[in-house]
PDB file of N, CA and C in Angstrom:
ATOM      1  N   MET A   1       8.086 -11.177 -21.049  1.00  0.00           N
ATOM      2  CA  MET A   1       7.149 -10.618 -20.090  1.00  0.00           C
ATOM      3  C   MET A   1       7.350 -11.283 -18.733  1.00  0.00           C
ATOM      4  N   SER A   2       7.247 -10.503 -17.706  1.00  0.00           N
ATOM      5  CA  SER A   2       7.307 -11.038 -16.358  1.00  0.00           C
ATOM      6  C   SER A   2       5.892 -11.287 -15.860  1.00  0.00           C
ATOM      7  N   LYS A   3       5.559 -12.544 -15.692  1.00  0.00           N
ATOM      8  CA  LYS A   3       4.212 -12.884 -15.229  1.00  0.00           C
ATOM      9  C   LYS A   3       3.916 -12.223 -13.884  1.00  0.00           C
ATOM     10  N   LYS A   4       4.883 -12.247 -12.985  1.00  0.00           N
ATOM     11  CA  LYS A   4       4.665 -11.671 -11.659  1.00  0.00           C
ATOM     12  C   LYS A   4       4.368 -10.175 -11.759  1.00  0.00           C
ATOM     13  N   LEU A   5       5.147  -9.454 -12.557  1.00  0.00           N
ATOM     14  CA  LEU A   5       4.934  -8.017 -12.723  1.00  0.00           C
ATOM     15  C   LEU A   5       3.552  -7.749 -13.303  1.00  0.00           C
ATOM     16  N   TYR A   6       3.212  -8.462 -14.365  1.00  0.00           N
ATOM     17  CA  TYR A   6       1.925  -8.243 -15.015  1.00  0.00           C
ATOM     18  C   TYR A   6       0.765  -8.643 -14.110  1.00  0.00           C
ATOM     19  N   ASP A   7       0.954  -9.677 -13.288  1.00  0.00           N
ATOM     20  CA  ASP A   7      -0.076 -10.066 -12.318  1.00  0.00           C
ATOM     21  C   ASP A   7      -0.329  -8.932 -11.321  1.00  0.00           C
ATOM     22  N   ILE A   8       0.740  -8.301 -10.860  1.00  0.00           N
ATOM     23  CA  ILE A   8       0.615  -7.196  -9.905  1.00  0.00           C
ATOM     24  C   ILE A   8      -0.104  -6.019 -10.555  1.00  0.00           C
ATOM     25  N   ILE A   9       0.316  -5.655 -11.750  1.00  0.00           N
ATOM     26  CA  ILE A   9      -0.314  -4.538 -12.462  1.00  0.00           C
ATOM     27  C   ILE A   9      -1.789  -4.836 -12.702  1.00  0.00           C
ATOM     28  N   SER A  10      -2.083  -6.052 -13.112  1.00  0.00           N
ATOM     29  CA  SER A  10      -3.462  -6.461 -13.374  1.00  0.00           C
ATOM     30  C   SER A  10      -4.321  -6.339 -12.116  1.00  0.00           C
ATOM     31  N   LYS A  11      -3.777  -6.779 -10.995  1.00  0.00           N
ATOM     32  CA  LYS A  11      -4.509  -6.736  -9.727  1.00  0.00           C
ATOM     33  C   LYS A  11      -4.747  -5.297  -9.268  1.00  0.00           C
ATOM     34  N   VAL A  12      -3.698  -4.484  -9.287  1.00  0.00           N
ATOM     35  CA  VAL A  12      -3.806  -3.110  -8.787  1.00  0.00           C
ATOM     36  C   VAL A  12      -4.776  -2.280  -9.625  1.00  0.00           C
ATOM     37  N   PHE A  13      -4.689  -2.429 -10.941  1.00  0.00           N
ATOM     38  CA  PHE A  13      -5.503  -1.593 -11.821  1.00  0.00           C
ATOM     39  C   PHE A  13      -6.786  -2.275 -12.299  1.00  0.00           C
ATOM     40  N   SER A  14      -7.026  -3.498 -11.845  1.00  0.00           N
ATOM     41  CA  SER A  14      -8.236  -4.254 -12.227  1.00  0.00           C
ATOM     42  C   SER A  14      -8.410  -4.326 -13.742  1.00  0.00           C
ATOM     43  N   VAL A  15      -7.327  -4.733 -14.421  1.00  0.00           N
ATOM     44  CA  VAL A  15      -7.372  -4.920 -15.877  1.00  0.00           C
ATOM     45  C   VAL A  15      -6.892  -6.327 -16.209  1.00  0.00           C
ATOM     46  N   GLN A  16      -7.281  -6.809 -17.365  1.00  0.00           N
ATOM     47  CA  GLN A  16      -6.832  -8.116 -17.832  1.00  0.00           C
ATOM     48  C   GLN A  16      -5.350  -8.040 -18.208  1.00  0.00           C
ATOM     49  N   ILE A  17      -4.619  -9.114 -17.968  1.00  0.00           N
ATOM     50  CA  ILE A  17      -3.205  -9.162 -18.334  1.00  0.00           C
ATOM     51  C   ILE A  17      -3.029  -8.910 -19.823  1.00  0.00           C
ATOM     52  N   SER A  18      -3.966  -9.366 -20.627  1.00  0.00           N
ATOM     53  CA  SER A  18      -3.874  -9.175 -22.079  1.00  0.00           C
ATOM     54  C   SER A  18      -3.935  -7.703 -22.484  1.00  0.00           C
ATOM     55  N   GLU A  19      -4.384  -6.836 -21.583  1.00  0.00           N
ATOM     56  CA  GLU A  19      -4.456  -5.397 -21.859  1.00  0.00           C
ATOM     57  C   GLU A  19      -3.161  -4.672 -21.503  1.00  0.00           C
ATOM     58  N   ILE A  20      -2.189  -5.386 -20.937  1.00  0.00           N
ATOM     59  CA  ILE A  20      -0.957  -4.769 -20.446  1.00  0.00           C
ATOM     60  C   ILE A  20       0.184  -5.044 -21.409  1.00  0.00           C
ATOM     61  N   ASN A  21       0.954  -3.991 -21.713  1.00  0.00           N
ATOM     62  CA  ASN A  21       2.172  -4.128 -22.508  1.00  0.00           C
ATOM     63  C   ASN A  21       3.154  -3.044 -22.079  1.00  0.00           C
ATOM     64  N   ASP A  22       4.330  -3.007 -22.706  1.00  0.00           N
ATOM     65  CA  ASP A  22       5.362  -2.048 -22.309  1.00  0.00           C
ATOM     66  C   ASP A  22       4.903  -0.599 -22.400  1.00  0.00           C
ATOM     67  N   GLU A  23       3.985  -0.317 -23.292  1.00  0.00           N
ATOM     68  CA  GLU A  23       3.525   1.056 -23.482  1.00  0.00           C
ATOM     69  C   GLU A  23       2.313   1.405 -22.620  1.00  0.00           C
ATOM     70  N   SER A  24       1.822   0.454 -21.841  1.00  0.00           N
ATOM     71  CA  SER A  24       0.694   0.743 -20.950  1.00  0.00           C
ATOM     72  C   SER A  24       1.088   1.850 -19.982  1.00  0.00           C
ATOM     73  N   SER A  25       0.160   2.785 -19.773  1.00  0.00           N
ATOM     74  CA  SER A  25       0.452   3.976 -18.976  1.00  0.00           C
ATOM     75  C   SER A  25      -0.853   4.543 -18.419  1.00  0.00           C
ATOM     76  N   PRO A  26      -0.764   5.620 -17.652  1.00  0.00           N
ATOM     77  CA  PRO A  26      -2.005   6.250 -17.182  1.00  0.00           C
ATOM     78  C   PRO A  26      -2.914   6.703 -18.327  1.00  0.00           C
ATOM     79  N   GLU A  27      -2.342   6.934 -19.484  1.00  0.00           N
ATOM     80  CA  GLU A  27      -3.146   7.342 -20.639  1.00  0.00           C
ATOM     81  C   GLU A  27      -3.919   6.171 -21.250  1.00  0.00           C
ATOM     82  N   THR A  28      -3.438   4.942 -21.047  1.00  0.00           N
ATOM     83  CA  THR A  28      -4.089   3.784 -21.666  1.00  0.00           C
ATOM     84  C   THR A  28      -4.846   2.904 -20.669  1.00  0.00           C
ATOM     85  N   ILE A  29      -4.551   3.062 -19.385  1.00  0.00           N
ATOM     86  CA  ILE A  29      -5.257   2.308 -18.343  1.00  0.00           C
ATOM     87  C   ILE A  29      -6.011   3.318 -17.479  1.00  0.00           C
ATOM     88  N   GLU A  30      -7.316   3.321 -17.624  1.00  0.00           N
ATOM     89  CA  GLU A  30      -8.162   4.326 -16.973  1.00  0.00           C
ATOM     90  C   GLU A  30      -7.980   4.373 -15.456  1.00  0.00           C
ATOM     91  N   SER A  31      -7.796   3.228 -14.830  1.00  0.00           N
ATOM     92  CA  SER A  31      -7.687   3.180 -13.369  1.00  0.00           C
ATOM     93  C   SER A  31      -6.291   3.531 -12.847  1.00  0.00           C
ATOM     94  N   TRP A  32      -5.345   3.822 -13.751  1.00  0.00           N
ATOM     95  CA  TRP A  32      -3.985   4.196 -13.337  1.00  0.00           C
ATOM     96  C   TRP A  32      -3.978   5.682 -13.003  1.00  0.00           C
ATOM     97  N   ASP A  33      -4.416   6.000 -11.796  1.00  0.00           N
ATOM     98  CA  ASP A  33      -4.388   7.375 -11.320  1.00  0.00           C
ATOM     99  C   ASP A  33      -3.297   7.490 -10.256  1.00  0.00           C
ATOM    100  N   SER A  34      -3.168   8.671  -9.665  1.00  0.00           N
ATOM    101  CA  SER A  34      -2.076   8.872  -8.707  1.00  0.00           C
ATOM    102  C   SER A  34      -2.209   7.960  -7.488  1.00  0.00           C
ATOM    103  N   PHE A  35      -3.417   7.749  -7.009  1.00  0.00           N
ATOM    104  CA  PHE A  35      -3.612   6.884  -5.846  1.00  0.00           C
ATOM    105  C   PHE A  35      -3.236   5.442  -6.163  1.00  0.00           C
ATOM    106  N   ASN A  36      -3.770   4.907  -7.257  1.00  0.00           N
ATOM    107  CA  ASN A  36      -3.442   3.531  -7.629  1.00  0.00           C
ATOM    108  C   ASN A  36      -1.978   3.396  -8.030  1.00  0.00           C
ATOM    109  N   GLY A  37      -1.383   4.474  -8.522  1.00  0.00           N
ATOM    110  CA  GLY A  37       0.046   4.453  -8.820  1.00  0.00           C
ATOM    111  C   GLY A  37       0.867   4.220  -7.560  1.00  0.00           C
ATOM    112  N   LEU A  38       0.458   4.851  -6.457  1.00  0.00           N
ATOM    113  CA  LEU A  38       1.156   4.641  -5.186  1.00  0.00           C
ATOM    114  C   LEU A  38       0.930   3.231  -4.657  1.00  0.00           C
ATOM    115  N   ILE A  39      -0.264   2.715  -4.852  1.00  0.00           N
ATOM    116  CA  ILE A  39      -0.533   1.326  -4.462  1.00  0.00           C
ATOM    117  C   ILE A  39       0.354   0.387  -5.274  1.00  0.00           C
ATOM    118  N   LEU A  40       0.510   0.679  -6.567  1.00  0.00           N
ATOM    119  CA  LEU A  40       1.383  -0.141  -7.414  1.00  0.00           C
ATOM    120  C   LEU A  40       2.814  -0.117  -6.895  1.00  0.00           C
ATOM    121  N   VAL A  41       3.322   1.059  -6.560  1.00  0.00           N
ATOM    122  CA  VAL A  41       4.681   1.172  -6.024  1.00  0.00           C
ATOM    123  C   VAL A  41       4.824   0.313  -4.770  1.00  0.00           C
ATOM    124  N   ASP A  42       3.864   0.409  -3.862  1.00  0.00           N
ATOM    125  CA  ASP A  42       3.908  -0.376  -2.626  1.00  0.00           C
ATOM    126  C   ASP A  42       3.904  -1.875  -2.915  1.00  0.00           C
ATOM    127  N   GLU A  43       3.046  -2.305  -3.836  1.00  0.00           N
ATOM    128  CA  GLU A  43       2.976  -3.725  -4.206  1.00  0.00           C
ATOM    129  C   GLU A  43       4.287  -4.199  -4.833  1.00  0.00           C
ATOM    130  N   LEU A  44       4.859  -3.379  -5.716  1.00  0.00           N
ATOM    131  CA  LEU A  44       6.124  -3.756  -6.363  1.00  0.00           C
ATOM    132  C   LEU A  44       7.242  -3.854  -5.336  1.00  0.00           C
ATOM    133  N   GLU A  45       7.316  -2.866  -4.438  1.00  0.00           N
ATOM    134  CA  GLU A  45       8.358  -2.888  -3.413  1.00  0.00           C
ATOM    135  C   GLU A  45       8.208  -4.110  -2.509  1.00  0.00           C
ATOM    136  N   SER A  46       6.998  -4.436  -2.133  1.00  0.00           N
ATOM    137  CA  SER A  46       6.756  -5.594  -1.263  1.00  0.00           C
ATOM    138  C   SER A  46       7.058  -6.910  -1.966  1.00  0.00           C
ATOM    139  N   ASN A  47       6.565  -7.050  -3.189  1.00  0.00           N
ATOM    140  CA  ASN A  47       6.712  -8.312  -3.912  1.00  0.00           C
ATOM    141  C   ASN A  47       8.129  -8.571  -4.398  1.00  0.00           C
ATOM    142  N   PHE A  48       8.865  -7.516  -4.729  1.00  0.00           N
ATOM    143  CA  PHE A  48      10.225  -7.695  -5.242  1.00  0.00           C
ATOM    144  C   PHE A  48      11.292  -7.344  -4.206  1.00  0.00           C
ATOM    145  N   ASN A  49      10.860  -6.990  -2.976  1.00  0.00           N
ATOM    146  CA  ASN A  49      11.771  -6.684  -1.879  1.00  0.00           C
ATOM    147  C   ASN A  49      12.792  -5.612  -2.257  1.00  0.00           C
ATOM    148  N   ILE A  50      12.280  -4.496  -2.773  1.00  0.00           N
ATOM    149  CA  ILE A  50      13.122  -3.364  -3.162  1.00  0.00           C
ATOM    150  C   ILE A  50      12.513  -2.090  -2.606  1.00  0.00           C
ATOM    151  N   LYS A  51      13.224  -0.974  -2.781  1.00  0.00           N
ATOM    152  CA  LYS A  51      12.713   0.342  -2.383  1.00  0.00           C
ATOM    153  C   LYS A  51      13.044   1.321  -3.497  1.00  0.00           C
ATOM    154  N   PHE A  52      11.995   1.897  -4.106  1.00  0.00           N
ATOM    155  CA  PHE A  52      12.194   2.896  -5.150  1.00  0.00           C
ATOM    156  C   PHE A  52      12.503   4.250  -4.526  1.00  0.00           C
ATOM    157  N   SER A  53      13.338   5.028  -5.204  1.00  0.00           N
ATOM    158  CA  SER A  53      13.575   6.408  -4.783  1.00  0.00           C
ATOM    159  C   SER A  53      12.430   7.275  -5.304  1.00  0.00           C
ATOM    160  N   ILE A  54      12.287   8.441  -4.731  1.00  0.00           N
ATOM    161  CA  ILE A  54      11.255   9.379  -5.197  1.00  0.00           C
ATOM    162  C   ILE A  54      11.475   9.710  -6.669  1.00  0.00           C
ATOM    163  N   SER A  55      12.728   9.906  -7.069  1.00  0.00           N
ATOM    164  CA  SER A  55      13.003  10.250  -8.478  1.00  0.00           C
ATOM    165  C   SER A  55      12.618   9.108  -9.416  1.00  0.00           C
ATOM    166  N   GLU A  56      12.793   7.870  -8.981  1.00  0.00           N
ATOM    167  CA  GLU A  56      12.378   6.728  -9.805  1.00  0.00           C
ATOM    168  C   GLU A  56      10.858   6.698  -9.952  1.00  0.00           C
ATOM    169  N   ILE A  57      10.170   6.946  -8.864  1.00  0.00           N
ATOM    170  CA  ILE A  57       8.705   6.937  -8.900  1.00  0.00           C
ATOM    171  C   ILE A  57       8.191   8.023  -9.841  1.00  0.00           C
ATOM    172  N   ILE A  58       8.763   9.205  -9.743  1.00  0.00           N
ATOM    173  CA  ILE A  58       8.353  10.322 -10.598  1.00  0.00           C
ATOM    174  C   ILE A  58       8.669  10.037 -12.058  1.00  0.00           C
ATOM    175  N   ASP A  59       9.746   9.306 -12.312  1.00  0.00           N
ATOM    176  CA  ASP A  59      10.201   9.013 -13.676  1.00  0.00           C
ATOM    177  C   ASP A  59       9.292   8.038 -14.423  1.00  0.00           C
ATOM    178  N   VAL A  60       8.533   7.226 -13.701  1.00  0.00           N
ATOM    179  CA  VAL A  60       7.731   6.175 -14.346  1.00  0.00           C
ATOM    180  C   VAL A  60       6.578   6.777 -15.139  1.00  0.00           C
ATOM    181  N   LYS A  61       6.601   6.496 -16.438  1.00  0.00           N
ATOM    182  CA  LYS A  61       5.539   6.957 -17.339  1.00  0.00           C
ATOM    183  C   LYS A  61       4.757   5.793 -17.939  1.00  0.00           C
ATOM    184  N   ASN A  62       5.358   4.581 -17.904  1.00  0.00           N
ATOM    185  CA  ASN A  62       4.712   3.411 -18.507  1.00  0.00           C
ATOM    186  C   ASN A  62       5.337   2.136 -17.931  1.00  0.00           C
ATOM    187  N   VAL A  63       4.854   1.000 -18.380  1.00  0.00           N
ATOM    188  CA  VAL A  63       5.336  -0.290 -17.876  1.00  0.00           C
ATOM    189  C   VAL A  63       6.809  -0.498 -18.224  1.00  0.00           C
ATOM    190  N   LYS A  64       7.230  -0.030 -19.371  1.00  0.00           N
ATOM    191  CA  LYS A  64       8.639  -0.159 -19.764  1.00  0.00           C
ATOM    192  C   LYS A  64       9.546   0.516 -18.731  1.00  0.00           C
ATOM    193  N   ASP A  65       9.142   1.689 -18.241  1.00  0.00           N
ATOM    194  CA  ASP A  65       9.921   2.380 -17.205  1.00  0.00           C
ATOM    195  C   ASP A  65       9.969   1.558 -15.919  1.00  0.00           C
ATOM    196  N   ILE A  66       8.863   0.939 -15.560  1.00  0.00           N
ATOM    197  CA  ILE A  66       8.836   0.092 -14.359  1.00  0.00           C
ATOM    198  C   ILE A  66       9.835  -1.048 -14.516  1.00  0.00           C
ATOM    199  N   LYS A  67       9.823  -1.690 -15.675  1.00  0.00           N
ATOM    200  CA  LYS A  67      10.758  -2.794 -15.931  1.00  0.00           C
ATOM    201  C   LYS A  67      12.206  -2.325 -15.818  1.00  0.00           C
ATOM    202  N   ARG A  68      12.493  -1.149 -16.360  1.00  0.00           N
ATOM    203  CA  ARG A  68      13.862  -0.614 -16.316  1.00  0.00           C
ATOM    204  C   ARG A  68      14.300  -0.391 -14.871  1.00  0.00           C
ATOM    205  N   HIS A  69      13.434   0.208 -14.065  1.00  0.00           N
ATOM    206  CA  HIS A  69      13.789   0.466 -12.667  1.00  0.00           C
ATOM    207  C   HIS A  69      13.909  -0.828 -11.867  1.00  0.00           C
ATOM    208  N   LEU A  70      13.040  -1.788 -12.128  1.00  0.00           N
ATOM    209  CA  LEU A  70      13.171  -3.082 -11.453  1.00  0.00           C
ATOM    210  C   LEU A  70      14.494  -3.738 -11.826  1.00  0.00           C
ATOM    211  N   ASN A  71      14.838  -3.680 -13.100  1.00  0.00           N
ATOM    212  CA  ASN A  71      16.107  -4.236 -13.567  1.00  0.00           C
ATOM    213  C   ASN A  71      17.283  -3.550 -12.878  1.00  0.00           C
ATOM    214  N   ASN A  72      17.205  -2.227 -12.726  1.00  0.00           N
ATOM    215  CA  ASN A  72      18.271  -1.475 -12.050  1.00  0.00           C
ATOM    216  C   ASN A  72      18.426  -1.890 -10.589  1.00  0.00           C
ATOM    217  N   HIS A  73      17.366  -2.431 -10.015  1.00  0.00           N
ATOM    218  CA  HIS A  73      17.406  -2.921  -8.631  1.00  0.00           C
ATOM    219  C   HIS A  73      17.773  -4.400  -8.566  1.00  0.00           C
ATOM    220  N   GLY A  74      18.142  -4.979  -9.709  1.00  0.00           N
ATOM    221  CA  GLY A  74      18.582  -6.368  -9.734  1.00  0.00           C
ATOM    222  C   GLY A  74      17.467  -7.388  -9.860  1.00  0.00           C
ATOM    223  N   VAL A  75      16.263  -6.941 -10.186  1.00  0.00           N
ATOM    224  CA  VAL A  75      15.135  -7.859 -10.342  1.00  0.00           C
ATOM    225  C   VAL A  75      15.202  -8.486 -11.730  1.00  0.00           C
ATOM    226  N   ASP A  76      15.208  -9.822 -11.770  1.00  0.00           N
ATOM    227  CA  ASP A  76      15.232 -10.552 -13.041  1.00  0.00           C
ATOM    228  C   ASP A  76      13.799 -10.798 -13.482  1.00  0.00           C
ATOM    229  N   LEU A  77      13.373 -10.094 -14.509  1.00  0.00           N
ATOM    230  CA  LEU A  77      11.990 -10.200 -14.970  1.00  0.00           C
ATOM    231  C   LEU A  77      11.761 -11.385 -15.889  1.00  0.00           C
ATOM    232  N   ASP A  78      12.796 -12.152 -16.182  1.00  0.00           N
ATOM    233  CA  ASP A  78      12.653 -13.317 -17.055  1.00  0.00           C
ATOM    234  C   ASP A  78      12.398 -14.590 -16.265  1.00  0.00           C
ATOM    235  N   GLU A  79      12.239 -14.455 -14.954  1.00  0.00           N
ATOM    236  CA  GLU A  79      12.005 -15.628 -14.101  1.00  0.00           C
ATOM    237  C   GLU A  79      10.709 -16.298 -14.452  1.00  0.00           C
TER     238      GLU A  79
END
């Protein structure tokens, strides 16, 4: 688990880190709506110094997808 990633998700969606896992998604986190999803993208881009493409943003269905896209941008989540 990436503490930094989970900290960001926890902050944006106002959920406990213990409630977050790879399968967490808009279906399992009530506050994960389209607006907060965009806030999450902005926070991830700022904190990891990357830029997601529109297709990457649309592709994200859960935390596992976020990890995959961060990895594709060279972000080491094991830090």
